[in-house]
Amino acid sequence: MAIAERARQLMQMAGLPLTHPAEPSLREAPAATHELPLPFDAATWLRSNNVSGIAGVQRRVNATTLAATWLAQTRIFATLTLRRSFSVQRYGEAESRALAIAERAVHLPLKCDAAAALVK
């Protein structure tokens, strides 16, 4: 229908009809399909404001008590987010960060399993 309308418009034009050189090949080309990334891929993207270097792992400082924690966080569904924090005072800076990274590694397969269950 759109092709017929375009042909009608070209016939009504005065002078030489100017079309883009690639127009015929684009009309005959199959429609492009784009694969959507899995939710797991989005969970591993590193945001520009991430200072830990690991997606889903961040250092938080409580505004009132100034207690620092490393937090592992993964959104499974829109209504379900897994979070676990590790105190810097209890474990130390390096160990609490390592524990948060390990916890994040535990969360990611759960996200994949949940996404696979939705597809079935």
Protein backbone atom coordinates (compact mmCIF):
# COMPACT_ATOMS: atom_id res chain seq x y z
CA MET A 1 0.00 0.00 0.00
CA ALA A 2 2.79 2.42 0.88
CA ILE A 3 4.68 1.49 -2.29
CA ALA A 4 1.64 2.22 -4.43
CA GLU A 5 1.14 5.56 -2.69
CA ARG A 6 4.79 6.47 -3.24
CA ALA A 7 4.49 5.58 -6.94
CA ARG A 8 1.37 7.77 -7.20
CA GLN A 9 3.21 10.66 -5.55
CA LEU A 10 6.15 10.32 -7.93
CA MET A 11 3.80 10.42 -10.92
CA GLN A 12 2.25 13.69 -9.70
CA MET A 13 5.59 15.44 -9.20
CA ALA A 14 6.50 18.07 -11.76
CA GLY A 15 9.95 17.75 -13.30
CA LEU A 16 12.36 14.96 -12.62
CA PRO A 17 11.46 12.75 -9.66
CA LEU A 18 14.41 12.68 -7.31
CA THR A 19 14.61 9.61 -5.12
CA HIS A 20 17.41 8.41 -2.94
CA PRO A 21 19.81 6.11 -4.83
CA ALA A 22 19.31 3.34 -2.26
CA GLU A 23 15.50 3.47 -2.33
CA PRO A 24 14.91 0.48 -4.66
CA SER A 25 17.26 -1.80 -2.75
CA LEU A 26 15.73 -0.78 0.58
CA ARG A 27 12.23 -1.53 -0.65
CA GLU A 28 13.18 -5.04 -1.72
CA ALA A 29 15.39 -5.87 1.28
CA PRO A 30 13.90 -8.05 4.02
CA ALA A 31 13.01 -6.32 7.26
CA ALA A 32 15.89 -6.23 9.72
CA THR A 33 15.43 -8.23 12.90
CA HIS A 34 17.17 -7.25 16.09
CA GLU A 35 17.73 -9.72 18.89
CA LEU A 36 16.95 -8.35 22.31
CA PRO A 37 19.60 -8.95 24.97
CA LEU A 38 18.79 -11.35 27.77
CA PRO A 39 18.09 -9.82 31.19
CA PHE A 40 21.41 -11.35 32.33
CA ASP A 41 23.25 -9.09 29.88
CA ALA A 42 21.64 -5.96 31.29
CA ALA A 43 22.57 -7.07 34.80
CA THR A 44 26.25 -7.20 33.86
CA TRP A 45 26.51 -3.78 32.21
CA LEU A 46 28.87 -1.53 34.09
CA ARG A 47 27.34 1.89 34.65
CA SER A 48 29.47 5.00 34.23
CA ASN A 49 29.03 5.98 37.90
CA ASN A 50 30.15 2.57 39.23
CA VAL A 51 33.27 2.93 41.37
CA SER A 52 33.65 -0.72 42.43
CA GLY A 53 34.36 -2.02 38.94
CA ILE A 54 31.75 -4.77 39.34
CA ALA A 55 28.15 -4.34 38.14
CA GLY A 56 25.70 -4.62 41.04
CA VAL A 57 28.32 -4.08 43.75
CA GLN A 58 28.58 -0.72 45.45
CA ARG A 59 29.98 0.87 48.58
CA ARG A 60 27.45 2.66 50.76
CA VAL A 61 27.95 4.94 53.74
CA ASN A 62 25.09 5.58 56.16
CA ALA A 63 24.49 9.32 56.40
CA THR A 64 23.77 9.35 60.14
CA THR A 65 26.13 6.73 61.57
CA LEU A 66 28.80 6.95 58.86
CA ALA A 67 28.99 3.13 58.87
CA ALA A 68 30.31 1.85 55.53
CA THR A 69 29.05 -1.32 53.85
CA TRP A 70 29.59 -3.07 50.53
CA LEU A 71 26.27 -4.00 48.93
CA ALA A 72 25.54 -6.74 46.38
CA GLN A 73 22.28 -6.02 44.60
CA THR A 74 20.43 -7.77 41.74
CA ARG A 75 16.96 -7.08 40.43
CA ILE A 76 15.29 -10.40 39.59
CA PHE A 77 11.86 -9.04 38.63
CA ALA A 78 10.36 -5.57 38.74
CA THR A 79 9.08 -6.36 42.25
CA LEU A 80 11.92 -8.55 43.54
CA THR A 81 15.43 -7.32 44.28
CA LEU A 82 18.04 -9.39 46.08
CA ARG A 83 20.29 -7.36 48.36
CA ARG A 84 22.98 -8.33 50.82
CA SER A 85 25.37 -5.97 52.56
CA PHE A 86 28.69 -6.60 54.28
CA SER A 87 29.96 -4.27 56.99
CA VAL A 88 33.37 -2.70 56.55
CA GLN A 89 33.68 -2.41 60.35
CA ARG A 90 33.08 -6.15 60.80
CA TYR A 91 34.98 -7.64 57.85
CA GLY A 92 37.37 -4.90 56.79
CA GLU A 93 37.37 -3.01 53.49
CA ALA A 94 38.92 -5.65 51.22
CA GLU A 95 37.10 -8.67 52.66
CA SER A 96 33.66 -7.01 52.69
CA ARG A 97 34.15 -5.99 49.05
CA ALA A 98 35.21 -9.54 48.14
CA LEU A 99 32.18 -10.97 49.97
CA ALA A 100 29.86 -8.60 48.09
CA ILE A 101 31.40 -9.63 44.74
CA ALA A 102 30.98 -13.31 45.66
CA GLU A 103 27.36 -12.73 46.67
CA ARG A 104 26.69 -10.97 43.38
CA ALA A 105 28.05 -14.03 41.56
CA VAL A 106 25.49 -16.12 43.47
CA HIS A 107 22.65 -13.76 42.47
CA LEU A 108 23.27 -13.76 38.70
CA PRO A 109 22.35 -17.43 38.02
CA LEU A 110 19.11 -16.88 39.94
CA LYS A 111 18.29 -14.06 37.54
CA CYS A 112 18.96 -16.32 34.54
CA ASP A 113 16.80 -19.10 35.99
CA ALA A 114 13.97 -16.64 36.59
CA ALA A 115 14.24 -15.28 33.03
CA ALA A 116 14.26 -18.82 31.59
CA ALA A 117 11.16 -19.70 33.62
CA LEU A 118 9.33 -16.68 32.17
CA VAL A 119 10.16 -17.71 28.60
CA LYS A 120 8.79 -21.25 29.02
